[in-house]
Amino acid sequence: MACFSCRSENVKAFASEIIIRLPGKTSPTQSVLALPKLLVCLDCGLADVLLSEDELRNLKETYSSLKSEILADTNVSLPPGTPVRDQ
């Protein structure tokens, strides 16, 4: 798999543990624990997270159940030149 940014083939997978916090008021019910694979380009440092189907489903369900509580400001600021893939 090539890096989305620099096209290097020097991409390695690592185990990771992350807590995904949903926008809005901070509470334990507005976060999702995930143990995704973290793909890191060892040349440019770009990292990509791969959630399992169960983790993605859990994130979607948690987000859906809190939609009315989540603030409208969910914009994400990325550094210039960061590649963004359409979903």
PDB file of N, CA and C in Angstrom:
ATOM      1  N   MET A   1       0.841  -1.175   0.000  1.00  0.00           N
ATOM      2  CA  MET A   1       0.000   0.000   0.000  1.00  0.00           C
ATOM      3  C   MET A   1       0.890   1.243   0.000  1.00  0.00           C
ATOM      4  N   ALA A   2       0.606   2.150  -0.900  1.00  0.00           N
ATOM      5  CA  ALA A   2       1.401   3.375  -1.004  1.00  0.00           C
ATOM      6  C   ALA A   2       0.806   4.481  -0.135  1.00  0.00           C
ATOM      7  N   CYS A   3       1.661   5.373   0.337  1.00  0.00           N
ATOM      8  CA  CYS A   3       1.257   6.537   1.132  1.00  0.00           C
ATOM      9  C   CYS A   3       0.392   7.454   0.271  1.00  0.00           C
ATOM     10  N   PHE A   4      -0.687   7.978   0.842  1.00  0.00           N
ATOM     11  CA  PHE A   4      -1.573   8.884   0.104  1.00  0.00           C
ATOM     12  C   PHE A   4      -0.916  10.229  -0.156  1.00  0.00           C
ATOM     13  N   SER A   5       0.075  10.594   0.661  1.00  0.00           N
ATOM     14  CA  SER A   5       0.703  11.902   0.549  1.00  0.00           C
ATOM     15  C   SER A   5       1.925  11.892  -0.368  1.00  0.00           C
ATOM     16  N   CYS A   6       2.899  11.042  -0.038  1.00  0.00           N
ATOM     17  CA  CYS A   6       4.168  11.074  -0.788  1.00  0.00           C
ATOM     18  C   CYS A   6       4.341   9.883  -1.735  1.00  0.00           C
ATOM     19  N   ARG A   7       3.386   8.974  -1.729  1.00  0.00           N
ATOM     20  CA  ARG A   7       3.398   7.783  -2.590  1.00  0.00           C
ATOM     21  C   ARG A   7       4.505   6.781  -2.258  1.00  0.00           C
ATOM     22  N   SER A   8       5.129   6.927  -1.092  1.00  0.00           N
ATOM     23  CA  SER A   8       6.151   5.982  -0.649  1.00  0.00           C
ATOM     24  C   SER A   8       5.510   4.625  -0.358  1.00  0.00           C
ATOM     25  N   GLU A   9       6.250   3.583  -0.560  1.00  0.00           N
ATOM     26  CA  GLU A   9       5.800   2.236  -0.212  1.00  0.00           C
ATOM     27  C   GLU A   9       6.220   1.864   1.214  1.00  0.00           C
ATOM     28  N   ASN A  10       6.875   2.791   1.923  1.00  0.00           N
ATOM     29  CA  ASN A  10       7.387   2.537   3.262  1.00  0.00           C
ATOM     30  C   ASN A  10       6.307   2.813   4.320  1.00  0.00           C
ATOM     31  N   VAL A  11       5.169   2.126   4.193  1.00  0.00           N
ATOM     32  CA  VAL A  11       4.033   2.274   5.105  1.00  0.00           C
ATOM     33  C   VAL A  11       3.945   1.013   5.959  1.00  0.00           C
ATOM     34  N   LYS A  12       3.879   1.201   7.267  1.00  0.00           N
ATOM     35  CA  LYS A  12       3.823   0.070   8.203  1.00  0.00           C
ATOM     36  C   LYS A  12       2.585   0.178   9.075  1.00  0.00           C
ATOM     37  N   ALA A  13       2.045  -0.985   9.481  1.00  0.00           N
ATOM     38  CA  ALA A  13       0.865  -1.044  10.351  1.00  0.00           C
ATOM     39  C   ALA A  13       1.309  -1.247  11.790  1.00  0.00           C
ATOM     40  N   PHE A  14       0.661  -0.524  12.689  1.00  0.00           N
ATOM     41  CA  PHE A  14       0.931  -0.632  14.113  1.00  0.00           C
ATOM     42  C   PHE A  14      -0.382  -0.807  14.857  1.00  0.00           C
ATOM     43  N   ALA A  15      -0.327  -1.511  15.988  1.00  0.00           N
ATOM     44  CA  ALA A  15      -1.495  -1.602  16.863  1.00  0.00           C
ATOM     45  C   ALA A  15      -1.646  -0.260  17.565  1.00  0.00           C
ATOM     46  N   SER A  16      -2.868   0.136  17.853  1.00  0.00           N
ATOM     47  CA  SER A  16      -3.082   1.399  18.546  1.00  0.00           C
ATOM     48  C   SER A  16      -4.313   1.306  19.437  1.00  0.00           C
ATOM     49  N   GLU A  17      -4.436   2.280  20.294  1.00  0.00           N
ATOM     50  CA  GLU A  17      -5.594   2.406  21.173  1.00  0.00           C
ATOM     51  C   GLU A  17      -5.959   3.877  21.178  1.00  0.00           C
ATOM     52  N   ILE A  18      -7.180   4.192  20.767  1.00  0.00           N
ATOM     53  CA  ILE A  18      -7.601   5.584  20.731  1.00  0.00           C
ATOM     54  C   ILE A  18      -8.982   5.732  21.348  1.00  0.00           C
ATOM     55  N   ILE A  19      -9.229   6.903  21.859  1.00  0.00           N
ATOM     56  CA  ILE A  19     -10.571   7.257  22.313  1.00  0.00           C
ATOM     57  C   ILE A  19     -11.056   8.342  21.363  1.00  0.00           C
ATOM     58  N   ILE A  20     -12.161   8.076  20.697  1.00  0.00           N
ATOM     59  CA  ILE A  20     -12.745   9.033  19.765  1.00  0.00           C
ATOM     60  C   ILE A  20     -13.796   9.820  20.531  1.00  0.00           C
ATOM     61  N   ARG A  21     -13.548  11.111  20.699  1.00  0.00           N
ATOM     62  CA  ARG A  21     -14.478  11.967  21.431  1.00  0.00           C
ATOM     63  C   ARG A  21     -15.374  12.679  20.427  1.00  0.00           C
ATOM     64  N   LEU A  22     -16.665  12.567  20.658  1.00  0.00           N
ATOM     65  CA  LEU A  22     -17.624  13.220  19.779  1.00  0.00           C
ATOM     66  C   LEU A  22     -17.757  14.675  20.181  1.00  0.00           C
ATOM     67  N   PRO A  23     -18.083  15.549  19.232  1.00  0.00           N
ATOM     68  CA  PRO A  23     -18.213  16.975  19.550  1.00  0.00           C
ATOM     69  C   PRO A  23     -19.341  17.218  20.547  1.00  0.00           C
ATOM     70  N   GLY A  24     -19.254  18.320  21.237  1.00  0.00           N
ATOM     71  CA  GLY A  24     -20.284  18.685  22.202  1.00  0.00           C
ATOM     72  C   GLY A  24     -19.758  18.592  23.609  1.00  0.00           C
ATOM     73  N   LYS A  25     -20.674  18.450  24.556  1.00  0.00           N
ATOM     74  CA  LYS A  25     -20.291  18.352  25.959  1.00  0.00           C
ATOM     75  C   LYS A  25     -19.421  17.123  26.169  1.00  0.00           C
ATOM     76  N   THR A  26     -18.411  17.268  27.008  1.00  0.00           N
ATOM     77  CA  THR A  26     -17.508  16.152  27.263  1.00  0.00           C
ATOM     78  C   THR A  26     -18.102  15.250  28.336  1.00  0.00           C
ATOM     79  N   SER A  27     -18.319  14.005  27.975  1.00  0.00           N
ATOM     80  CA  SER A  27     -18.781  13.012  28.942  1.00  0.00           C
ATOM     81  C   SER A  27     -18.359  11.639  28.434  1.00  0.00           C
ATOM     82  N   PRO A  28     -18.246  10.658  29.335  1.00  0.00           N
ATOM     83  CA  PRO A  28     -17.835   9.316  28.897  1.00  0.00           C
ATOM     84  C   PRO A  28     -18.767   8.711  27.854  1.00  0.00           C
ATOM     85  N   THR A  29     -20.047   9.107  27.871  1.00  0.00           N
ATOM     86  CA  THR A  29     -20.987   8.543  26.901  1.00  0.00           C
ATOM     87  C   THR A  29     -20.778   9.116  25.506  1.00  0.00           C
ATOM     88  N   GLN A  30     -19.976  10.173  25.400  1.00  0.00           N
ATOM     89  CA  GLN A  30     -19.714  10.788  24.103  1.00  0.00           C
ATOM     90  C   GLN A  30     -18.332  10.433  23.582  1.00  0.00           C
ATOM     91  N   SER A  31     -17.839   9.267  23.965  1.00  0.00           N
ATOM     92  CA  SER A  31     -16.560   8.810  23.441  1.00  0.00           C
ATOM     93  C   SER A  31     -16.649   7.324  23.124  1.00  0.00           C
ATOM     94  N   VAL A  32     -15.816   6.911  22.181  1.00  0.00           N
ATOM     95  CA  VAL A  32     -15.789   5.517  21.745  1.00  0.00           C
ATOM     96  C   VAL A  32     -14.344   5.029  21.806  1.00  0.00           C
ATOM     97  N   LEU A  33     -14.126   3.931  22.521  1.00  0.00           N
ATOM     98  CA  LEU A  33     -12.801   3.312  22.575  1.00  0.00           C
ATOM     99  C   LEU A  33     -12.631   2.448  21.332  1.00  0.00           C
ATOM    100  N   ALA A  34     -11.506   2.599  20.654  1.00  0.00           N
ATOM    101  CA  ALA A  34     -11.228   1.792  19.468  1.00  0.00           C
ATOM    102  C   ALA A  34      -9.790   1.286  19.533  1.00  0.00           C
ATOM    103  N   LEU A  35      -9.572   0.116  18.975  1.00  0.00           N
ATOM    104  CA  LEU A  35      -8.242  -0.496  18.897  1.00  0.00           C
ATOM    105  C   LEU A  35      -7.901  -0.735  17.423  1.00  0.00           C
ATOM    106  N   PRO A  36      -7.808   0.353  16.644  1.00  0.00           N
ATOM    107  CA  PRO A  36      -7.614   0.207  15.199  1.00  0.00           C
ATOM    108  C   PRO A  36      -6.164  -0.040  14.814  1.00  0.00           C
ATOM    109  N   LYS A  37      -6.000  -0.466  13.562  1.00  0.00           N
ATOM    110  CA  LYS A  37      -4.663  -0.492  12.975  1.00  0.00           C
ATOM    111  C   LYS A  37      -4.324   0.941  12.607  1.00  0.00           C
ATOM    112  N   LEU A  38      -3.094   1.324  12.886  1.00  0.00           N
ATOM    113  CA  LEU A  38      -2.600   2.640  12.538  1.00  0.00           C
ATOM    114  C   LEU A  38      -1.558   2.454  11.446  1.00  0.00           C
ATOM    115  N   LEU A  39      -1.840   2.972  10.257  1.00  0.00           N
ATOM    116  CA  LEU A  39      -0.904   2.876   9.141  1.00  0.00           C
ATOM    117  C   LEU A  39      -0.081   4.156   9.120  1.00  0.00           C
ATOM    118  N   VAL A  40       1.234   4.018   9.209  1.00  0.00           N
ATOM    119  CA  VAL A  40       2.122   5.178   9.285  1.00  0.00           C
ATOM    120  C   VAL A  40       3.145   5.110   8.157  1.00  0.00           C
ATOM    121  N   CYS A  41       3.267   6.208   7.413  1.00  0.00           N
ATOM    122  CA  CYS A  41       4.316   6.317   6.413  1.00  0.00           C
ATOM    123  C   CYS A  41       5.593   6.683   7.149  1.00  0.00           C
ATOM    124  N   LEU A  42       6.592   5.840   7.053  1.00  0.00           N
ATOM    125  CA  LEU A  42       7.843   6.077   7.754  1.00  0.00           C
ATOM    126  C   LEU A  42       8.748   7.059   7.006  1.00  0.00           C
ATOM    127  N   ASP A  43       8.262   7.587   5.878  1.00  0.00           N
ATOM    128  CA  ASP A  43       9.018   8.606   5.160  1.00  0.00           C
ATOM    129  C   ASP A  43       8.493  10.013   5.452  1.00  0.00           C
ATOM    130  N   CYS A  44       7.165  10.217   5.359  1.00  0.00           N
ATOM    131  CA  CYS A  44       6.632  11.572   5.558  1.00  0.00           C
ATOM    132  C   CYS A  44       5.851  11.721   6.860  1.00  0.00           C
ATOM    133  N   GLY A  45       5.493  10.612   7.513  1.00  0.00           N
ATOM    134  CA  GLY A  45       4.805  10.685   8.804  1.00  0.00           C
ATOM    135  C   GLY A  45       3.295  10.703   8.737  1.00  0.00           C
ATOM    136  N   LEU A  46       2.719  10.662   7.547  1.00  0.00           N
ATOM    137  CA  LEU A  46       1.265  10.637   7.450  1.00  0.00           C
ATOM    138  C   LEU A  46       0.742   9.359   8.099  1.00  0.00           C
ATOM    139  N   ALA A  47      -0.305   9.479   8.909  1.00  0.00           N
ATOM    140  CA  ALA A  47      -0.896   8.320   9.568  1.00  0.00           C
ATOM    141  C   ALA A  47      -2.354   8.189   9.158  1.00  0.00           C
ATOM    142  N   ASP A  48      -2.813   6.968   9.035  1.00  0.00           N
ATOM    143  CA  ASP A  48      -4.186   6.672   8.660  1.00  0.00           C
ATOM    144  C   ASP A  48      -4.701   5.626   9.640  1.00  0.00           C
ATOM    145  N   VAL A  49      -5.952   5.746  10.047  1.00  0.00           N
ATOM    146  CA  VAL A  49      -6.550   4.831  11.026  1.00  0.00           C
ATOM    147  C   VAL A  49      -7.562   3.943  10.312  1.00  0.00           C
ATOM    148  N   LEU A  50      -7.488   2.637  10.564  1.00  0.00           N
ATOM    149  CA  LEU A  50      -8.439   1.692   9.984  1.00  0.00           C
ATOM    150  C   LEU A  50      -9.273   1.081  11.100  1.00  0.00           C
ATOM    151  N   LEU A  51     -10.551   1.485  11.189  1.00  0.00           N
ATOM    152  CA  LEU A  51     -11.453   0.932  12.193  1.00  0.00           C
ATOM    153  C   LEU A  51     -12.031  -0.383  11.689  1.00  0.00           C
ATOM    154  N   SER A  52     -12.265  -1.305  12.614  1.00  0.00           N
ATOM    155  CA  SER A  52     -12.934  -2.549  12.251  1.00  0.00           C
ATOM    156  C   SER A  52     -14.411  -2.253  11.987  1.00  0.00           C
ATOM    157  N   GLU A  53     -15.118  -3.185  11.397  1.00  0.00           N
ATOM    158  CA  GLU A  53     -16.544  -2.994  11.132  1.00  0.00           C
ATOM    159  C   GLU A  53     -17.303  -2.760  12.433  1.00  0.00           C
ATOM    160  N   ASP A  54     -16.963  -3.502  13.499  1.00  0.00           N
ATOM    161  CA  ASP A  54     -17.630  -3.337  14.792  1.00  0.00           C
ATOM    162  C   ASP A  54     -17.366  -1.954  15.385  1.00  0.00           C
ATOM    163  N   GLU A  55     -16.115  -1.483  15.294  1.00  0.00           N
ATOM    164  CA  GLU A  55     -15.773  -0.168  15.823  1.00  0.00           C
ATOM    165  C   GLU A  55     -16.488   0.936  15.051  1.00  0.00           C
ATOM    166  N   LEU A  56     -16.550   0.794  13.740  1.00  0.00           N
ATOM    167  CA  LEU A  56     -17.238   1.780  12.909  1.00  0.00           C
ATOM    168  C   LEU A  56     -18.733   1.795  13.224  1.00  0.00           C
ATOM    169  N   ARG A  57     -19.328   0.620  13.372  1.00  0.00           N
ATOM    170  CA  ARG A  57     -20.745   0.527  13.706  1.00  0.00           C
ATOM    171  C   ARG A  57     -21.014   1.184  15.070  1.00  0.00           C
ATOM    172  N   ASN A  58     -20.148   0.910  16.052  1.00  0.00           N
ATOM    173  CA  ASN A  58     -20.296   1.497  17.382  1.00  0.00           C
ATOM    174  C   ASN A  58     -20.200   3.022  17.315  1.00  0.00           C
ATOM    175  N   LEU A  59     -19.263   3.540  16.532  1.00  0.00           N
ATOM    176  CA  LEU A  59     -19.104   4.980  16.380  1.00  0.00           C
ATOM    177  C   LEU A  59     -20.355   5.594  15.743  1.00  0.00           C
ATOM    178  N   LYS A  60     -20.862   4.958  14.693  1.00  0.00           N
ATOM    179  CA  LYS A  60     -22.071   5.455  14.026  1.00  0.00           C
ATOM    180  C   LYS A  60     -23.263   5.460  14.973  1.00  0.00           C
ATOM    181  N   GLU A  61     -23.436   4.372  15.741  1.00  0.00           N
ATOM    182  CA  GLU A  61     -24.565   4.274  16.674  1.00  0.00           C
ATOM    183  C   GLU A  61     -24.457   5.322  17.774  1.00  0.00           C
ATOM    184  N   THR A  62     -23.255   5.507  18.308  1.00  0.00           N
ATOM    185  CA  THR A  62     -23.060   6.503  19.364  1.00  0.00           C
ATOM    186  C   THR A  62     -23.330   7.895  18.824  1.00  0.00           C
ATOM    187  N   TYR A  63     -22.819   8.195  17.643  1.00  0.00           N
ATOM    188  CA  TYR A  63     -23.043   9.501  17.024  1.00  0.00           C
ATOM    189  C   TYR A  63     -24.532   9.728  16.780  1.00  0.00           C
ATOM    190  N   SER A  64     -25.212   8.738  16.227  1.00  0.00           N
ATOM    191  CA  SER A  64     -26.641   8.870  15.926  1.00  0.00           C
ATOM    192  C   SER A  64     -27.461   9.112  17.181  1.00  0.00           C
ATOM    193  N   SER A  65     -27.109   8.435  18.268  1.00  0.00           N
ATOM    194  CA  SER A  65     -27.889   8.577  19.501  1.00  0.00           C
ATOM    195  C   SER A  65     -27.663   9.938  20.163  1.00  0.00           C
ATOM    196  N   LEU A  66     -26.576  10.634  19.806  1.00  0.00           N
ATOM    197  CA  LEU A  66     -26.256  11.920  20.429  1.00  0.00           C
ATOM    198  C   LEU A  66     -26.429  13.109  19.491  1.00  0.00           C
ATOM    199  N   LYS A  67     -26.942  12.879  18.286  1.00  0.00           N
ATOM    200  CA  LYS A  67     -27.025  13.947  17.281  1.00  0.00           C
ATOM    201  C   LYS A  67     -27.643  15.224  17.831  1.00  0.00           C
ATOM    202  N   SER A  68     -28.724  15.106  18.587  1.00  0.00           N
ATOM    203  CA  SER A  68     -29.405  16.306  19.071  1.00  0.00           C
ATOM    204  C   SER A  68     -28.564  17.067  20.093  1.00  0.00           C
ATOM    205  N   GLU A  69     -27.606  16.390  20.736  1.00  0.00           N
ATOM    206  CA  GLU A  69     -26.766  17.035  21.746  1.00  0.00           C
ATOM    207  C   GLU A  69     -25.467  17.596  21.163  1.00  0.00           C
ATOM    208  N   ILE A  70     -25.124  17.160  19.964  1.00  0.00           N
ATOM    209  CA  ILE A  70     -23.834  17.557  19.378  1.00  0.00           C
ATOM    210  C   ILE A  70     -23.923  18.962  18.804  1.00  0.00           C
ATOM    211  N   LEU A  71     -22.927  19.757  19.088  1.00  0.00           N
ATOM    212  CA  LEU A  71     -22.899  21.123  18.589  1.00  0.00           C
ATOM    213  C   LEU A  71     -22.731  21.154  17.082  1.00  0.00           C
ATOM    214  N   ALA A  72     -23.191  22.217  16.463  1.00  0.00           N
ATOM    215  CA  ALA A  72     -23.121  22.349  15.006  1.00  0.00           C
ATOM    216  C   ALA A  72     -21.694  22.511  14.505  1.00  0.00           C
ATOM    217  N   ASP A  73     -20.803  23.035  15.331  1.00  0.00           N
ATOM    218  CA  ASP A  73     -19.437  23.288  14.885  1.00  0.00           C
ATOM    219  C   ASP A  73     -18.610  22.015  14.945  1.00  0.00           C
ATOM    220  N   THR A  74     -18.569  21.269  13.856  1.00  0.00           N
ATOM    221  CA  THR A  74     -17.794  20.036  13.788  1.00  0.00           C
ATOM    222  C   THR A  74     -16.722  20.111  12.717  1.00  0.00           C
ATOM    223  N   ASN A  75     -16.348  21.321  12.340  1.00  0.00           N
ATOM    224  CA  ASN A  75     -15.315  21.481  11.316  1.00  0.00           C
ATOM    225  C   ASN A  75     -13.978  20.975  11.820  1.00  0.00           C
ATOM    226  N   VAL A  76     -13.206  20.397  10.929  1.00  0.00           N
ATOM    227  CA  VAL A  76     -11.875  19.894  11.247  1.00  0.00           C
ATOM    228  C   VAL A  76     -10.862  20.710  10.468  1.00  0.00           C
ATOM    229  N   SER A  77      -9.852  21.227  11.150  1.00  0.00           N
ATOM    230  CA  SER A  77      -8.797  21.986  10.480  1.00  0.00           C
ATOM    231  C   SER A  77      -7.624  21.065  10.193  1.00  0.00           C
ATOM    232  N   LEU A  78      -7.230  20.995   8.942  1.00  0.00           N
ATOM    233  CA  LEU A  78      -6.093  20.177   8.542  1.00  0.00           C
ATOM    234  C   LEU A  78      -4.988  21.089   8.032  1.00  0.00           C
ATOM    235  N   PRO A  79      -3.736  20.696   8.252  1.00  0.00           N
ATOM    236  CA  PRO A  79      -2.637  21.495   7.718  1.00  0.00           C
ATOM    237  C   PRO A  79      -2.712  21.563   6.191  1.00  0.00           C
ATOM    238  N   PRO A  80      -2.245  22.662   5.594  1.00  0.00           N
ATOM    239  CA  PRO A  80      -2.255  22.776   4.128  1.00  0.00           C
ATOM    240  C   PRO A  80      -1.528  21.600   3.489  1.00  0.00           C
ATOM    241  N   GLY A  81      -2.105  21.083   2.419  1.00  0.00           N
ATOM    242  CA  GLY A  81      -1.478  19.990   1.686  1.00  0.00           C
ATOM    243  C   GLY A  81      -1.859  18.610   2.186  1.00  0.00           C
ATOM    244  N   THR A  82      -2.667  18.521   3.265  1.00  0.00           N
ATOM    245  CA  THR A  82      -3.062  17.222   3.785  1.00  0.00           C
ATOM    246  C   THR A  82      -4.071  16.602   2.821  1.00  0.00           C
ATOM    247  N   PRO A  83      -3.812  15.373   2.350  1.00  0.00           N
ATOM    248  CA  PRO A  83      -4.756  14.746   1.421  1.00  0.00           C
ATOM    249  C   PRO A  83      -6.020  14.334   2.155  1.00  0.00           C
ATOM    250  N   VAL A  84      -7.156  14.565   1.534  1.00  0.00           N
ATOM    251  CA  VAL A  84      -8.435  14.187   2.111  1.00  0.00           C
ATOM    252  C   VAL A  84      -9.141  13.302   1.116  1.00  0.00           C
ATOM    253  N   ARG A  85      -9.564  12.123   1.580  1.00  0.00           N
ATOM    254  CA  ARG A  85     -10.260  11.192   0.702  1.00  0.00           C
ATOM    255  C   ARG A  85     -11.761  11.365   0.878  1.00  0.00           C
ATOM    256  N   ASP A  86     -12.502  11.373  -0.215  1.00  0.00           N
ATOM    257  CA  ASP A  86     -13.956  11.421  -0.146  1.00  0.00           C
ATOM    258  C   ASP A  86     -14.473  10.082   0.333  1.00  0.00           C
ATOM    259  N   GLN A  87     -15.523  10.128   1.130  1.00  0.00           N
ATOM    260  CA  GLN A  87     -16.119   8.893   1.656  1.00  0.00           C
ATOM    261  C   GLN A  87     -17.183   8.386   0.707  1.00  0.00           C
TER     262      GLN A  87
END
